[in-house]
């Protein structure tokens, strides 16, 4: 199921690679159905004339060729790259131009500071999507796919379960940025998330562990333990 593309480049799509976002079964079904719209490529090492041009050519063939469902979004993960020379930057600029001509959105993920300066200083790449890591890039595509599929971002009804449980529930509106609870707090409830999303972060460094989306539960682990 995994294809090696270019030196150190791994080819995945939206059916094989998911973001660290907890979603409802209905949403997962949509993403599985539309997963071929996303192509993910992981690059590594130092990118120079030979490796960059071969990788870009293979990315074009693999993502946009006749051998697979046409991708609408291509994410390039630079997390494991150490640098790139000027010819590699030109290769990615050409890749972006060719992808745009086919109606494909190109995204850069995990750029270090030096790589970001080299690539994003090119005016031709100004409209590329840029994400701090691959997980955020995949999450962005998933949100786009779900919005396109439904026509709008809507609440999840939990298949009528909340109506049957309404006598035992309290509706709570939580403002953006507010805390449900903090690490180490005692568990005092189970939350059914209808709209919006909840991020789980390590309090020590603010690192995101996962995001919980509509149609899922928050706080259930406290009840289990």
N, C-alpha and C. Protein backbone atom coordinates (compact mmCIF):
# COMPACT_ATOMS: atom_id res chain seq x y z
N UNK A 1 0.81 -1.20 0.00
CA UNK A 1 0.00 0.00 0.00
C UNK A 1 0.85 1.27 0.00
N UNK A 2 2.11 1.15 0.32
CA UNK A 2 3.00 2.30 0.37
C UNK A 2 3.98 2.23 -0.79
N UNK A 3 4.15 3.32 -1.49
CA UNK A 3 5.03 3.36 -2.65
C UNK A 3 6.17 4.33 -2.39
N UNK A 4 7.39 3.88 -2.62
CA UNK A 4 8.56 4.74 -2.48
C UNK A 4 8.68 5.59 -3.73
N UNK A 5 8.69 6.91 -3.58
CA UNK A 5 8.72 7.82 -4.71
C UNK A 5 9.92 8.75 -4.56
N UNK A 6 10.93 8.56 -5.39
CA UNK A 6 12.11 9.39 -5.28
C UNK A 6 12.94 8.98 -4.07
N UNK A 7 14.04 9.64 -3.87
CA UNK A 7 14.93 9.29 -2.77
C UNK A 7 14.32 9.74 -1.44
N UNK A 8 13.92 8.76 -0.62
CA UNK A 8 13.40 9.08 0.69
C UNK A 8 12.03 9.73 0.68
N UNK A 9 11.23 9.47 -0.35
CA UNK A 9 9.92 10.09 -0.44
C UNK A 9 8.84 9.02 -0.40
N UNK A 10 7.91 9.13 0.54
CA UNK A 10 6.91 8.10 0.75
C UNK A 10 5.55 8.61 0.32
N UNK A 11 4.85 7.82 -0.50
CA UNK A 11 3.57 8.24 -1.07
C UNK A 11 2.42 7.64 -0.27
N UNK A 12 1.53 8.51 0.23
CA UNK A 12 0.33 8.09 0.95
C UNK A 12 -0.84 8.89 0.39
N UNK A 13 -2.06 8.50 0.75
CA UNK A 13 -3.20 9.35 0.42
C UNK A 13 -4.12 9.45 1.62
N UNK A 14 -5.25 10.15 1.43
CA UNK A 14 -6.15 10.42 2.54
C UNK A 14 -6.86 9.20 3.09
N UNK A 15 -6.80 8.07 2.35
CA UNK A 15 -7.40 6.84 2.88
C UNK A 15 -6.44 6.12 3.82
N UNK A 16 -5.14 6.36 3.64
CA UNK A 16 -4.13 5.67 4.44
C UNK A 16 -3.58 6.55 5.56
N UNK A 17 -3.61 7.85 5.35
CA UNK A 17 -3.01 8.78 6.32
C UNK A 17 -4.10 9.70 6.86
N UNK A 18 -4.32 9.67 8.17
CA UNK A 18 -5.33 10.50 8.81
C UNK A 18 -4.66 11.46 9.80
N UNK A 19 -5.31 12.58 10.02
CA UNK A 19 -4.80 13.52 11.02
C UNK A 19 -5.09 13.00 12.42
N UNK A 20 -4.50 13.64 13.39
CA UNK A 20 -4.71 13.26 14.78
C UNK A 20 -5.95 13.99 15.33
N UNK A 21 -7.04 13.86 14.57
CA UNK A 21 -8.31 14.46 14.96
C UNK A 21 -9.33 13.35 15.13
N UNK A 22 -9.98 13.33 16.26
CA UNK A 22 -11.00 12.31 16.53
C UNK A 22 -12.31 12.77 15.92
N UNK A 23 -12.84 11.96 14.98
CA UNK A 23 -14.04 12.36 14.23
C UNK A 23 -15.13 11.32 14.37
N UNK A 24 -16.35 11.71 13.99
CA UNK A 24 -17.48 10.80 14.05
C UNK A 24 -17.36 9.73 12.96
N UNK A 25 -18.11 8.63 13.11
CA UNK A 25 -18.08 7.56 12.12
C UNK A 25 -18.56 8.06 10.75
N UNK A 26 -19.56 8.92 10.75
CA UNK A 26 -20.06 9.46 9.49
C UNK A 26 -18.98 10.27 8.78
N UNK A 27 -18.25 11.09 9.53
CA UNK A 27 -17.18 11.89 8.94
C UNK A 27 -16.05 11.01 8.44
N UNK A 28 -15.70 9.97 9.19
CA UNK A 28 -14.65 9.05 8.75
C UNK A 28 -15.04 8.36 7.45
N UNK A 29 -16.34 8.06 7.30
CA UNK A 29 -16.80 7.46 6.06
C UNK A 29 -16.62 8.39 4.87
N UNK A 30 -16.90 9.67 5.05
CA UNK A 30 -16.71 10.66 3.99
C UNK A 30 -15.24 10.76 3.61
N UNK A 31 -14.37 10.80 4.62
CA UNK A 31 -12.93 10.94 4.36
C UNK A 31 -12.38 9.71 3.67
N UNK A 32 -12.88 8.53 4.01
CA UNK A 32 -12.43 7.32 3.34
C UNK A 32 -12.85 7.34 1.88
N UNK A 33 -14.06 7.80 1.63
CA UNK A 33 -14.58 7.85 0.26
C UNK A 33 -13.82 8.85 -0.60
N UNK A 34 -13.41 9.96 0.01
CA UNK A 34 -12.77 11.03 -0.75
C UNK A 34 -11.26 11.05 -0.56
N UNK A 35 -10.72 10.02 0.07
CA UNK A 35 -9.30 10.02 0.40
C UNK A 35 -8.37 10.12 -0.79
N UNK A 36 -8.82 9.67 -1.96
CA UNK A 36 -7.97 9.77 -3.15
C UNK A 36 -7.72 11.18 -3.61
N UNK A 37 -8.47 12.14 -3.06
CA UNK A 37 -8.27 13.54 -3.44
C UNK A 37 -6.99 14.12 -2.82
N UNK A 38 -6.45 13.44 -1.83
CA UNK A 38 -5.25 13.92 -1.14
C UNK A 38 -4.06 13.01 -1.45
N UNK A 39 -2.92 13.60 -1.78
CA UNK A 39 -1.67 12.86 -1.92
C UNK A 39 -0.65 13.45 -0.96
N UNK A 40 0.02 12.60 -0.20
CA UNK A 40 1.01 13.03 0.79
C UNK A 40 2.36 12.44 0.43
N UNK A 41 3.38 13.28 0.41
CA UNK A 41 4.74 12.83 0.09
C UNK A 41 5.70 13.30 1.19
N UNK A 42 6.45 12.38 1.72
CA UNK A 42 7.45 12.69 2.74
C UNK A 42 8.83 12.68 2.10
N UNK A 43 9.56 13.77 2.27
CA UNK A 43 10.90 13.89 1.72
C UNK A 43 11.92 13.88 2.84
N UNK A 44 13.15 13.47 2.50
CA UNK A 44 14.19 13.49 3.53
C UNK A 44 15.55 13.73 2.91
N UNK A 45 16.48 14.16 3.76
CA UNK A 45 17.84 14.41 3.30
C UNK A 45 18.01 15.79 2.69
N UNK A 46 19.16 15.99 2.05
CA UNK A 46 19.45 17.26 1.39
C UNK A 46 18.95 17.18 -0.05
N UNK A 47 18.18 18.17 -0.47
CA UNK A 47 17.57 18.18 -1.80
C UNK A 47 18.41 19.03 -2.74
N UNK A 48 18.94 18.42 -3.77
CA UNK A 48 19.73 19.16 -4.74
C UNK A 48 19.20 18.84 -6.14
N UNK A 49 19.91 19.26 -7.17
CA UNK A 49 19.40 19.20 -8.54
C UNK A 49 18.83 17.83 -8.91
N UNK A 50 19.62 16.77 -8.76
CA UNK A 50 19.19 15.45 -9.20
C UNK A 50 18.02 14.91 -8.40
N UNK A 51 18.15 14.91 -7.08
CA UNK A 51 17.10 14.31 -6.24
C UNK A 51 15.81 15.10 -6.30
N UNK A 52 15.89 16.43 -6.31
CA UNK A 52 14.69 17.26 -6.31
C UNK A 52 13.92 17.11 -7.62
N UNK A 53 14.63 17.13 -8.74
CA UNK A 53 13.94 17.03 -10.03
C UNK A 53 13.32 15.65 -10.21
N UNK A 54 14.01 14.60 -9.79
CA UNK A 54 13.44 13.26 -9.91
C UNK A 54 12.23 13.12 -8.99
N UNK A 55 12.34 13.64 -7.77
CA UNK A 55 11.22 13.55 -6.83
C UNK A 55 10.01 14.30 -7.36
N UNK A 56 10.20 15.52 -7.88
CA UNK A 56 9.08 16.31 -8.39
C UNK A 56 8.43 15.63 -9.58
N UNK A 57 9.24 15.05 -10.46
CA UNK A 57 8.67 14.35 -11.62
C UNK A 57 7.84 13.16 -11.18
N UNK A 58 8.32 12.42 -10.20
CA UNK A 58 7.58 11.25 -9.72
C UNK A 58 6.34 11.67 -8.95
N UNK A 59 6.43 12.77 -8.23
CA UNK A 59 5.25 13.27 -7.53
C UNK A 59 4.16 13.63 -8.53
N UNK A 60 4.53 14.30 -9.61
CA UNK A 60 3.55 14.65 -10.64
C UNK A 60 2.91 13.41 -11.24
N UNK A 61 3.73 12.41 -11.54
CA UNK A 61 3.18 11.19 -12.14
C UNK A 61 2.30 10.43 -11.16
N UNK A 62 2.75 10.33 -9.92
CA UNK A 62 2.01 9.54 -8.94
C UNK A 62 0.72 10.22 -8.50
N UNK A 63 0.77 11.54 -8.33
CA UNK A 63 -0.40 12.26 -7.82
C UNK A 63 -1.39 12.62 -8.91
N UNK A 64 -0.90 12.90 -10.12
CA UNK A 64 -1.76 13.44 -11.16
C UNK A 64 -1.87 12.55 -12.38
N UNK A 65 -1.15 11.44 -12.39
CA UNK A 65 -1.15 10.58 -13.56
C UNK A 65 -2.41 9.75 -13.68
N UNK A 66 -2.49 8.99 -14.75
CA UNK A 66 -3.69 8.21 -15.05
C UNK A 66 -3.77 6.93 -14.22
N UNK A 67 -2.71 6.58 -13.51
CA UNK A 67 -2.70 5.32 -12.78
C UNK A 67 -3.44 5.35 -11.45
N UNK A 68 -3.95 6.51 -11.04
CA UNK A 68 -4.65 6.62 -9.76
C UNK A 68 -5.70 7.72 -9.87
N UNK A 69 -6.60 7.75 -8.90
CA UNK A 69 -7.59 8.82 -8.87
C UNK A 69 -6.86 10.16 -8.77
N UNK A 70 -7.32 11.13 -9.50
CA UNK A 70 -6.64 12.41 -9.54
C UNK A 70 -6.72 13.10 -8.20
N UNK A 71 -5.58 13.55 -7.71
CA UNK A 71 -5.53 14.27 -6.45
C UNK A 71 -5.94 15.72 -6.68
N UNK A 72 -6.60 16.30 -5.69
CA UNK A 72 -6.92 17.72 -5.72
C UNK A 72 -6.02 18.51 -4.78
N UNK A 73 -5.41 17.81 -3.83
CA UNK A 73 -4.52 18.42 -2.85
C UNK A 73 -3.26 17.58 -2.73
N UNK A 74 -2.11 18.22 -2.74
CA UNK A 74 -0.83 17.54 -2.57
C UNK A 74 -0.08 18.19 -1.42
N UNK A 75 0.27 17.39 -0.42
CA UNK A 75 1.05 17.88 0.72
C UNK A 75 2.45 17.31 0.67
N UNK A 76 3.45 18.18 0.77
CA UNK A 76 4.85 17.77 0.81
C UNK A 76 5.37 17.97 2.22
N UNK A 77 5.86 16.90 2.83
CA UNK A 77 6.35 16.96 4.20
C UNK A 77 7.87 17.08 4.18
N UNK A 78 8.38 18.22 4.63
CA UNK A 78 9.82 18.51 4.62
C UNK A 78 10.46 18.27 5.99
N UNK A 79 9.73 17.63 6.90
CA UNK A 79 10.20 17.49 8.28
C UNK A 79 11.58 16.85 8.37
N UNK A 80 11.85 15.88 7.50
CA UNK A 80 13.12 15.15 7.57
C UNK A 80 14.16 15.66 6.56
N UNK A 81 13.91 16.80 5.96
CA UNK A 81 14.90 17.36 5.04
C UNK A 81 15.89 18.23 5.80
N UNK A 82 17.12 18.29 5.30
CA UNK A 82 18.15 19.09 5.97
C UNK A 82 18.46 20.38 5.22
N UNK A 83 17.99 20.50 3.99
CA UNK A 83 18.25 21.71 3.22
C UNK A 83 17.98 21.48 1.75
N UNK A 84 18.15 22.55 0.96
CA UNK A 84 17.92 22.46 -0.48
C UNK A 84 18.75 23.53 -1.18
N UNK A 85 19.27 23.18 -2.37
CA UNK A 85 20.02 24.18 -3.12
C UNK A 85 19.06 24.94 -4.04
N UNK A 86 19.58 25.91 -4.79
CA UNK A 86 18.73 26.78 -5.60
C UNK A 86 18.02 26.01 -6.70
N UNK A 87 18.64 24.96 -7.23
CA UNK A 87 17.98 24.19 -8.29
C UNK A 87 16.78 23.42 -7.73
N UNK A 88 16.87 22.98 -6.48
CA UNK A 88 15.74 22.29 -5.85
C UNK A 88 14.58 23.26 -5.65
N UNK A 89 14.89 24.49 -5.25
CA UNK A 89 13.85 25.50 -5.09
C UNK A 89 13.14 25.75 -6.42
N UNK A 90 13.91 25.82 -7.50
CA UNK A 90 13.31 26.00 -8.83
C UNK A 90 12.45 24.80 -9.21
N UNK A 91 12.87 23.60 -8.82
CA UNK A 91 12.09 22.40 -9.12
C UNK A 91 10.73 22.44 -8.43
N UNK A 92 10.70 22.87 -7.17
CA UNK A 92 9.43 22.95 -6.45
C UNK A 92 8.56 24.10 -6.97
N UNK A 93 9.20 25.16 -7.45
CA UNK A 93 8.45 26.25 -8.08
C UNK A 93 7.77 25.76 -9.35
N UNK A 94 8.49 24.98 -10.15
CA UNK A 94 7.92 24.40 -11.37
C UNK A 94 6.80 23.42 -11.03
N UNK A 95 7.01 22.62 -9.97
CA UNK A 95 5.99 21.66 -9.54
C UNK A 95 4.70 22.40 -9.18
N UNK A 96 4.83 23.49 -8.44
CA UNK A 96 3.66 24.27 -8.06
C UNK A 96 2.93 24.81 -9.28
N UNK A 97 3.67 25.30 -10.26
CA UNK A 97 3.06 25.85 -11.48
C UNK A 97 2.30 24.77 -12.23
N UNK A 98 2.90 23.58 -12.35
CA UNK A 98 2.25 22.49 -13.07
C UNK A 98 1.03 21.99 -12.32
N UNK A 99 1.12 21.91 -10.99
CA UNK A 99 -0.01 21.46 -10.19
C UNK A 99 -1.16 22.46 -10.29
N UNK A 100 -0.85 23.76 -10.20
CA UNK A 100 -1.88 24.79 -10.27
C UNK A 100 -2.60 24.75 -11.61
N UNK A 101 -1.85 24.48 -12.68
CA UNK A 101 -2.46 24.41 -14.01
C UNK A 101 -3.47 23.29 -14.10
N UNK A 102 -3.33 22.27 -13.26
CA UNK A 102 -4.26 21.14 -13.24
C UNK A 102 -5.32 21.29 -12.14
N UNK A 103 -5.36 22.46 -11.50
CA UNK A 103 -6.35 22.69 -10.46
C UNK A 103 -6.04 22.01 -9.15
N UNK A 104 -4.77 21.75 -8.89
CA UNK A 104 -4.35 21.05 -7.68
C UNK A 104 -3.71 22.03 -6.70
N UNK A 105 -4.12 21.97 -5.44
CA UNK A 105 -3.56 22.82 -4.38
C UNK A 105 -2.33 22.15 -3.79
N UNK A 106 -1.23 22.88 -3.71
CA UNK A 106 0.02 22.36 -3.16
C UNK A 106 0.24 22.93 -1.77
N UNK A 107 0.64 22.07 -0.83
CA UNK A 107 0.92 22.52 0.53
C UNK A 107 2.28 22.06 1.01
N UNK A 108 2.98 22.92 1.77
CA UNK A 108 4.28 22.61 2.34
C UNK A 108 4.11 22.40 3.84
N UNK A 109 4.65 21.32 4.36
CA UNK A 109 4.52 21.00 5.79
C UNK A 109 5.90 20.79 6.41
N UNK A 110 6.06 21.21 7.66
CA UNK A 110 7.27 20.92 8.40
C UNK A 110 8.52 21.60 7.91
N UNK A 111 8.40 22.77 7.31
CA UNK A 111 9.58 23.49 6.84
C UNK A 111 10.38 24.03 8.02
N UNK A 112 11.70 23.80 8.02
CA UNK A 112 12.51 24.48 9.02
C UNK A 112 12.70 25.93 8.60
N UNK A 113 13.30 26.71 9.45
CA UNK A 113 13.39 28.15 9.20
C UNK A 113 14.13 28.47 7.91
N UNK A 114 15.23 27.76 7.67
CA UNK A 114 16.02 28.03 6.47
C UNK A 114 15.26 27.64 5.21
N UNK A 115 14.61 26.47 5.24
CA UNK A 115 13.84 26.02 4.08
C UNK A 115 12.67 26.95 3.81
N UNK A 116 12.02 27.41 4.86
CA UNK A 116 10.90 28.33 4.69
C UNK A 116 11.36 29.62 4.01
N UNK A 117 12.51 30.14 4.42
CA UNK A 117 13.03 31.37 3.80
C UNK A 117 13.31 31.15 2.32
N UNK A 118 13.94 30.01 1.99
CA UNK A 118 14.32 29.76 0.60
C UNK A 118 13.10 29.58 -0.30
N UNK A 119 12.15 28.78 0.16
CA UNK A 119 10.99 28.49 -0.68
C UNK A 119 10.00 29.65 -0.74
N UNK A 120 9.67 30.21 0.42
CA UNK A 120 8.60 31.20 0.48
C UNK A 120 9.05 32.58 0.03
N UNK A 121 10.34 32.76 -0.21
CA UNK A 121 10.80 34.03 -0.79
C UNK A 121 10.49 34.10 -2.28
N UNK A 122 10.15 32.97 -2.88
CA UNK A 122 9.76 32.95 -4.29
C UNK A 122 8.34 33.47 -4.43
N UNK A 123 8.12 34.56 -5.20
CA UNK A 123 6.75 35.10 -5.34
C UNK A 123 5.80 34.08 -5.96
N UNK A 124 6.32 33.16 -6.77
CA UNK A 124 5.45 32.15 -7.41
C UNK A 124 4.84 31.20 -6.39
N UNK A 125 5.45 31.10 -5.20
CA UNK A 125 4.98 30.17 -4.18
C UNK A 125 4.16 30.86 -3.08
N UNK A 126 3.84 32.13 -3.30
CA UNK A 126 3.18 32.91 -2.26
C UNK A 126 1.80 32.36 -1.91
N UNK A 127 1.14 31.69 -2.85
CA UNK A 127 -0.21 31.21 -2.57
C UNK A 127 -0.24 29.75 -2.13
N UNK A 128 0.92 29.16 -1.86
CA UNK A 128 0.97 27.79 -1.34
C UNK A 128 0.45 27.76 0.09
N UNK A 129 -0.25 26.68 0.44
CA UNK A 129 -0.63 26.46 1.82
C UNK A 129 0.61 26.02 2.61
N UNK A 130 0.82 26.58 3.80
CA UNK A 130 1.99 26.25 4.61
C UNK A 130 1.51 25.85 6.01
N UNK A 131 2.03 24.72 6.50
CA UNK A 131 1.63 24.18 7.81
C UNK A 131 2.88 23.84 8.60
N UNK A 132 2.79 24.03 9.91
CA UNK A 132 3.96 23.76 10.75
C UNK A 132 4.32 22.29 10.80
N UNK A 133 3.34 21.41 10.60
CA UNK A 133 3.64 19.98 10.53
C UNK A 133 2.62 19.28 9.63
N UNK A 134 2.90 18.03 9.29
CA UNK A 134 2.05 17.29 8.38
C UNK A 134 0.66 17.06 8.96
N UNK A 135 0.57 16.83 10.26
CA UNK A 135 -0.71 16.57 10.89
C UNK A 135 -1.68 17.73 10.66
N UNK A 136 -1.20 18.96 10.79
CA UNK A 136 -2.06 20.13 10.58
C UNK A 136 -2.45 20.25 9.11
N UNK A 137 -1.55 19.86 8.21
CA UNK A 137 -1.87 19.90 6.80
C UNK A 137 -2.97 18.91 6.45
N UNK A 138 -2.87 17.69 6.98
CA UNK A 138 -3.89 16.68 6.71
C UNK A 138 -5.22 17.10 7.35
N UNK A 139 -5.15 17.67 8.56
CA UNK A 139 -6.37 18.15 9.20
C UNK A 139 -7.05 19.22 8.36
N UNK A 140 -6.28 20.13 7.77
CA UNK A 140 -6.83 21.18 6.91
C UNK A 140 -7.56 20.55 5.72
N UNK A 141 -6.93 19.54 5.07
CA UNK A 141 -7.61 18.88 3.95
C UNK A 141 -8.89 18.19 4.41
N UNK A 142 -8.85 17.49 5.53
CA UNK A 142 -10.04 16.81 6.03
C UNK A 142 -11.18 17.78 6.26
N UNK A 143 -10.87 18.94 6.84
CA UNK A 143 -11.91 19.94 7.08
C UNK A 143 -12.50 20.44 5.76
N UNK A 144 -11.63 20.65 4.75
CA UNK A 144 -12.11 21.07 3.44
C UNK A 144 -13.01 20.02 2.82
N UNK A 145 -12.59 18.75 2.90
CA UNK A 145 -13.37 17.67 2.31
C UNK A 145 -14.72 17.52 2.98
N UNK A 146 -14.76 17.62 4.30
CA UNK A 146 -16.03 17.49 5.02
C UNK A 146 -16.95 18.67 4.72
N UNK A 147 -16.39 19.85 4.62
CA UNK A 147 -17.20 21.03 4.30
C UNK A 147 -17.76 20.92 2.89
N UNK A 148 -16.94 20.47 1.94
CA UNK A 148 -17.41 20.30 0.56
C UNK A 148 -18.51 19.25 0.49
N UNK A 149 -18.37 18.19 1.28
CA UNK A 149 -19.33 17.09 1.21
C UNK A 149 -20.69 17.49 1.77
N UNK A 150 -20.70 18.31 2.82
CA UNK A 150 -21.96 18.67 3.47
C UNK A 150 -22.50 20.00 2.98
N UNK A 151 -21.64 20.79 2.33
CA UNK A 151 -22.05 22.12 1.89
C UNK A 151 -21.94 23.16 2.99
N UNK A 152 -21.80 22.73 4.23
CA UNK A 152 -21.66 23.64 5.37
C UNK A 152 -21.18 22.85 6.57
N UNK A 153 -20.64 23.56 7.54
CA UNK A 153 -20.24 22.93 8.79
C UNK A 153 -21.45 22.91 9.71
N UNK A 154 -21.93 21.73 10.05
CA UNK A 154 -23.17 21.62 10.80
C UNK A 154 -22.96 20.83 12.07
N UNK A 155 -23.98 20.89 12.93
CA UNK A 155 -23.94 20.14 14.17
C UNK A 155 -24.17 18.66 13.90
N UNK A 156 -23.72 17.81 14.82
CA UNK A 156 -23.91 16.37 14.72
C UNK A 156 -25.01 15.97 15.69
N UNK A 157 -25.95 15.12 15.23
CA UNK A 157 -27.10 14.83 16.09
C UNK A 157 -26.96 13.54 16.88
N UNK A 158 -25.84 12.84 16.76
CA UNK A 158 -25.60 11.60 17.51
C UNK A 158 -26.73 10.57 17.27
N UNK A 159 -27.28 10.60 16.03
CA UNK A 159 -28.34 9.65 15.66
C UNK A 159 -29.53 9.66 16.62
N UNK A 160 -29.86 10.84 17.15
CA UNK A 160 -31.02 10.97 18.03
C UNK A 160 -30.76 10.59 19.47
N UNK A 161 -29.54 10.16 19.81
CA UNK A 161 -29.26 9.71 21.18
C UNK A 161 -29.44 10.84 22.18
N UNK A 162 -29.07 12.07 21.80
CA UNK A 162 -29.17 13.19 22.74
C UNK A 162 -30.62 13.52 23.07
N UNK A 163 -31.51 13.31 22.09
CA UNK A 163 -32.93 13.55 22.38
C UNK A 163 -33.43 12.59 23.46
N UNK A 164 -33.00 11.34 23.37
CA UNK A 164 -33.45 10.35 24.35
C UNK A 164 -32.84 10.58 25.72
N UNK A 165 -31.67 11.24 25.75
CA UNK A 165 -30.98 11.48 27.01
C UNK A 165 -31.16 12.90 27.54
N UNK A 166 -31.98 13.69 26.86
CA UNK A 166 -32.06 15.12 27.16
C UNK A 166 -32.41 15.42 28.62
N UNK A 167 -33.22 14.54 29.25
CA UNK A 167 -33.62 14.77 30.64
C UNK A 167 -32.44 14.68 31.60
N UNK A 168 -31.36 14.03 31.16
CA UNK A 168 -30.21 13.83 32.04
C UNK A 168 -29.02 14.74 31.67
N UNK A 169 -29.21 15.57 30.67
CA UNK A 169 -28.10 16.37 30.15
C UNK A 169 -28.31 17.86 30.41
N UNK A 170 -27.20 18.56 30.46
CA UNK A 170 -27.20 20.02 30.59
C UNK A 170 -26.46 20.60 29.40
N UNK A 171 -27.10 21.49 28.64
CA UNK A 171 -26.45 22.09 27.48
C UNK A 171 -25.48 23.17 27.93
N UNK A 172 -24.29 23.12 27.38
CA UNK A 172 -23.27 24.09 27.79
C UNK A 172 -22.62 24.71 26.55
N UNK A 173 -22.59 26.03 26.51
CA UNK A 173 -21.89 26.75 25.44
C UNK A 173 -20.52 27.18 25.99
N UNK A 174 -19.47 26.76 25.33
CA UNK A 174 -18.12 27.04 25.82
C UNK A 174 -17.45 28.03 24.86
N UNK A 175 -17.01 29.18 25.35
CA UNK A 175 -16.37 30.16 24.46
C UNK A 175 -15.03 29.66 23.93
N UNK A 176 -14.66 30.15 22.78
CA UNK A 176 -13.40 29.76 22.16
C UNK A 176 -12.23 30.09 23.10
N UNK A 177 -11.32 29.13 23.26
CA UNK A 177 -10.14 29.33 24.09
C UNK A 177 -10.32 28.96 25.54
N UNK A 178 -11.57 28.65 25.94
CA UNK A 178 -11.82 28.27 27.34
C UNK A 178 -11.40 26.83 27.57
N UNK A 179 -11.16 26.48 28.83
CA UNK A 179 -10.75 25.13 29.22
C UNK A 179 -11.95 24.33 29.69
N UNK A 180 -12.07 23.08 29.20
CA UNK A 180 -13.01 22.13 29.80
C UNK A 180 -12.46 21.70 31.16
N UNK A 181 -11.22 21.27 31.14
CA UNK A 181 -10.53 20.88 32.36
C UNK A 181 -9.05 20.84 32.06
N UNK A 182 -8.25 20.79 33.12
CA UNK A 182 -6.80 20.77 32.97
C UNK A 182 -6.25 19.42 33.40
N UNK A 183 -5.03 19.17 32.98
CA UNK A 183 -4.36 17.92 33.31
C UNK A 183 -4.32 17.72 34.83
N UNK A 184 -4.79 16.56 35.29
CA UNK A 184 -4.79 16.26 36.72
C UNK A 184 -6.07 16.61 37.43
N UNK A 185 -7.00 17.36 36.77
CA UNK A 185 -8.27 17.69 37.41
C UNK A 185 -9.12 16.42 37.57
N UNK A 186 -9.91 16.35 38.64
CA UNK A 186 -10.83 15.21 38.79
C UNK A 186 -11.91 15.25 37.71
N UNK A 187 -12.35 14.08 37.27
CA UNK A 187 -13.39 14.00 36.24
C UNK A 187 -14.75 14.28 36.87
N UNK A 188 -15.50 15.21 36.27
CA UNK A 188 -16.81 15.53 36.83
C UNK A 188 -17.93 15.50 35.79
N UNK A 189 -17.64 14.92 34.61
CA UNK A 189 -18.70 14.87 33.61
C UNK A 189 -18.26 14.25 32.31
N UNK A 190 -19.24 13.91 31.50
CA UNK A 190 -19.04 13.37 30.16
C UNK A 190 -19.69 14.35 29.19
N UNK A 191 -18.95 14.76 28.15
CA UNK A 191 -19.43 15.78 27.23
C UNK A 191 -19.66 15.17 25.85
N UNK A 192 -20.83 15.45 25.27
CA UNK A 192 -21.13 15.12 23.88
C UNK A 192 -20.87 16.38 23.06
N UNK A 193 -19.91 16.32 22.15
CA UNK A 193 -19.52 17.51 21.40
C UNK A 193 -20.37 17.61 20.13
N UNK A 194 -21.25 18.61 20.08
CA UNK A 194 -22.14 18.79 18.92
C UNK A 194 -21.50 19.64 17.84
N UNK A 195 -20.89 20.76 18.22
CA UNK A 195 -20.27 21.66 17.25
C UNK A 195 -18.91 22.11 17.77
N UNK A 196 -18.10 22.64 16.87
CA UNK A 196 -16.78 23.12 17.26
C UNK A 196 -15.80 21.98 17.45
N UNK A 197 -14.71 22.26 18.12
CA UNK A 197 -13.69 21.24 18.36
C UNK A 197 -12.97 21.54 19.67
N UNK A 198 -12.34 20.52 20.22
CA UNK A 198 -11.60 20.63 21.48
C UNK A 198 -10.18 20.14 21.23
N UNK A 199 -9.21 20.90 21.65
CA UNK A 199 -7.80 20.48 21.53
C UNK A 199 -7.31 19.95 22.87
N UNK A 200 -6.56 18.85 22.81
CA UNK A 200 -5.91 18.27 23.99
C UNK A 200 -4.43 18.62 23.89
N UNK A 201 -3.92 19.35 24.88
CA UNK A 201 -2.53 19.80 24.85
C UNK A 201 -1.82 19.44 26.14
N UNK A 202 -0.48 19.22 26.04
CA UNK A 202 0.35 19.06 27.23
C UNK A 202 0.51 20.42 27.88
N UNK A 203 0.20 20.48 29.17
CA UNK A 203 0.26 21.78 29.86
C UNK A 203 1.70 22.28 29.97
N UNK A 204 2.67 21.37 30.04
CA UNK A 204 4.06 21.78 30.24
C UNK A 204 4.60 22.60 29.08
N UNK A 205 4.32 22.16 27.85
CA UNK A 205 4.90 22.84 26.69
C UNK A 205 3.87 23.29 25.66
N UNK A 206 2.60 23.05 25.91
CA UNK A 206 1.56 23.47 24.98
C UNK A 206 1.45 22.61 23.74
N UNK A 207 2.19 21.49 23.70
CA UNK A 207 2.17 20.62 22.52
C UNK A 207 0.81 19.97 22.36
N UNK A 208 0.29 20.04 21.10
CA UNK A 208 -1.01 19.43 20.83
C UNK A 208 -0.88 17.92 20.75
N UNK A 209 -1.73 17.21 21.49
CA UNK A 209 -1.75 15.75 21.46
C UNK A 209 -2.77 15.28 20.44
N UNK A 210 -3.97 15.85 20.46
CA UNK A 210 -4.98 15.53 19.46
C UNK A 210 -6.07 16.59 19.49
N UNK A 211 -6.92 16.55 18.47
CA UNK A 211 -8.08 17.41 18.40
C UNK A 211 -9.32 16.53 18.36
N UNK A 212 -10.36 16.92 19.07
CA UNK A 212 -11.61 16.15 19.13
C UNK A 212 -12.68 16.96 18.41
N UNK A 213 -13.32 16.33 17.41
CA UNK A 213 -14.29 17.04 16.58
C UNK A 213 -15.72 16.69 16.92
N UNK A 214 -16.68 17.32 16.23
CA UNK A 214 -18.11 17.08 16.49
C UNK A 214 -18.48 15.61 16.30
N UNK A 215 -19.46 15.16 17.09
CA UNK A 215 -19.91 13.78 16.99
C UNK A 215 -19.11 12.82 17.84
N UNK A 216 -18.28 13.35 18.74
CA UNK A 216 -17.45 12.50 19.60
C UNK A 216 -17.66 12.89 21.06
N UNK A 217 -17.00 12.16 21.94
CA UNK A 217 -17.14 12.35 23.38
C UNK A 217 -15.88 12.98 23.96
N UNK A 218 -16.05 13.75 25.01
CA UNK A 218 -14.93 14.34 25.76
C UNK A 218 -15.11 13.99 27.22
N UNK A 219 -14.03 13.51 27.85
CA UNK A 219 -14.07 13.22 29.29
C UNK A 219 -14.44 11.80 29.65
N UNK A 220 -14.59 10.93 28.64
CA UNK A 220 -15.03 9.57 28.96
C UNK A 220 -13.97 8.75 29.70
N UNK A 221 -12.67 9.08 29.49
CA UNK A 221 -11.63 8.30 30.13
C UNK A 221 -11.69 8.43 31.66
N UNK A 222 -12.09 9.60 32.14
CA UNK A 222 -12.22 9.78 33.57
C UNK A 222 -13.29 8.89 34.17
N UNK A 223 -14.36 8.64 33.40
CA UNK A 223 -15.42 7.76 33.89
C UNK A 223 -14.97 6.30 33.89
N UNK A 224 -14.17 5.92 32.89
CA UNK A 224 -13.70 4.53 32.79
C UNK A 224 -12.75 4.19 33.94
N UNK A 225 -11.97 5.20 34.36
CA UNK A 225 -10.95 4.91 35.37
C UNK A 225 -11.42 5.31 36.76
